Amino acid sequence: MSENSPLVRVHVNIELSAASLQAVVANSKMKAGPDEKGRYRVDTADALAALISTFLREKGFDAFARDETNY
């Protein structure tokens, strides 16, 4: 697979620390800011997915996935 192969969306279950999830929620809310009623309108699941996708792209997950020793 090349670095330019099409992206597909997959839904998976992952394990991450509670501290990481708390950071994603807090930072997503801070970035979105409250609406006029003081509510935060942000989908933190989408924010987490985007953050993980960015991490995987930047850290070379394609090469990691091709390496049989990682299985």
Protein backbone atom coordinates (compact mmCIF):
# COMPACT_ATOMS: atom_id res chain seq x y z
CA MET A 1 0.00 0.00 0.00
CA SER A 2 1.24 3.42 -0.78
CA GLU A 3 1.09 6.44 1.45
CA ASN A 4 -1.52 7.83 -0.97
CA SER A 5 -3.97 4.93 -0.77
CA PRO A 6 -7.60 5.86 -0.16
CA LEU A 7 -8.76 6.14 3.42
CA VAL A 8 -11.63 4.09 4.77
CA ARG A 9 -13.54 4.66 8.00
CA VAL A 10 -13.64 1.73 10.42
CA HIS A 11 -15.39 1.52 13.76
CA VAL A 12 -13.32 -0.28 16.37
CA ASN A 13 -13.07 -0.78 20.09
CA ILE A 14 -9.82 0.49 21.56
CA GLU A 15 -8.30 0.70 25.00
CA LEU A 16 -7.00 4.04 26.18
CA SER A 17 -6.44 5.52 29.57
CA ALA A 18 -9.15 7.45 31.35
CA ALA A 19 -6.71 10.37 31.56
CA SER A 20 -6.37 10.44 27.76
CA LEU A 21 -10.13 10.40 27.30
CA GLN A 22 -10.55 13.18 29.88
CA ALA A 23 -7.96 15.27 28.04
CA VAL A 24 -9.74 14.79 24.70
CA VAL A 25 -13.08 15.79 26.21
CA ALA A 26 -11.65 18.82 28.04
CA ASN A 27 -9.63 20.07 25.08
CA SER A 28 -12.49 19.51 22.62
CA LYS A 29 -14.88 21.46 24.83
CA MET A 30 -12.33 24.25 25.30
CA LYS A 31 -11.74 24.48 21.54
CA ALA A 32 -15.48 24.49 20.71
CA GLY A 33 -16.44 26.91 23.46
CA PRO A 34 -19.90 27.21 24.96
CA ASP A 35 -22.97 28.32 23.02
CA GLU A 36 -25.19 31.18 24.13
CA LYS A 37 -26.80 28.95 26.78
CA GLY A 38 -23.45 27.79 28.15
CA ARG A 39 -23.65 24.35 26.55
CA TYR A 40 -20.78 22.76 24.71
CA ARG A 41 -21.87 21.45 21.31
CA VAL A 42 -19.05 19.14 20.35
CA ASP A 43 -19.02 15.45 19.46
CA THR A 44 -16.13 14.20 21.54
CA ALA A 45 -16.25 10.76 19.87
CA ASP A 46 -15.62 12.44 16.50
CA ALA A 47 -12.87 14.53 18.08
CA LEU A 48 -11.22 11.39 19.46
CA ALA A 49 -11.49 9.64 16.08
CA ALA A 50 -9.89 12.62 14.31
CA LEU A 51 -7.11 12.81 16.89
CA ILE A 52 -6.29 9.10 16.62
CA SER A 53 -6.45 9.22 12.80
CA THR A 54 -4.01 12.13 12.76
CA PHE A 55 -1.69 10.31 15.16
CA LEU A 56 -1.75 7.14 13.04
CA ARG A 57 -0.98 9.07 9.84
CA GLU A 58 1.83 11.10 11.40
CA LYS A 59 3.44 8.16 13.22
CA GLY A 60 3.56 5.83 10.22
CA PHE A 61 0.88 3.27 11.04
CA ASP A 62 1.01 1.94 7.46
CA ALA A 63 4.56 0.69 8.00
CA PHE A 64 3.68 -0.60 11.46
CA ALA A 65 0.73 -2.56 10.07
CA ARG A 66 2.85 -4.11 7.30
CA ASP A 67 5.42 -5.42 9.82
CA GLU A 68 4.43 -9.01 10.68
CA THR A 69 6.34 -8.88 13.96
CA ASN A 70 3.71 -6.50 15.35
CA TYR A 71 1.07 -9.23 15.29
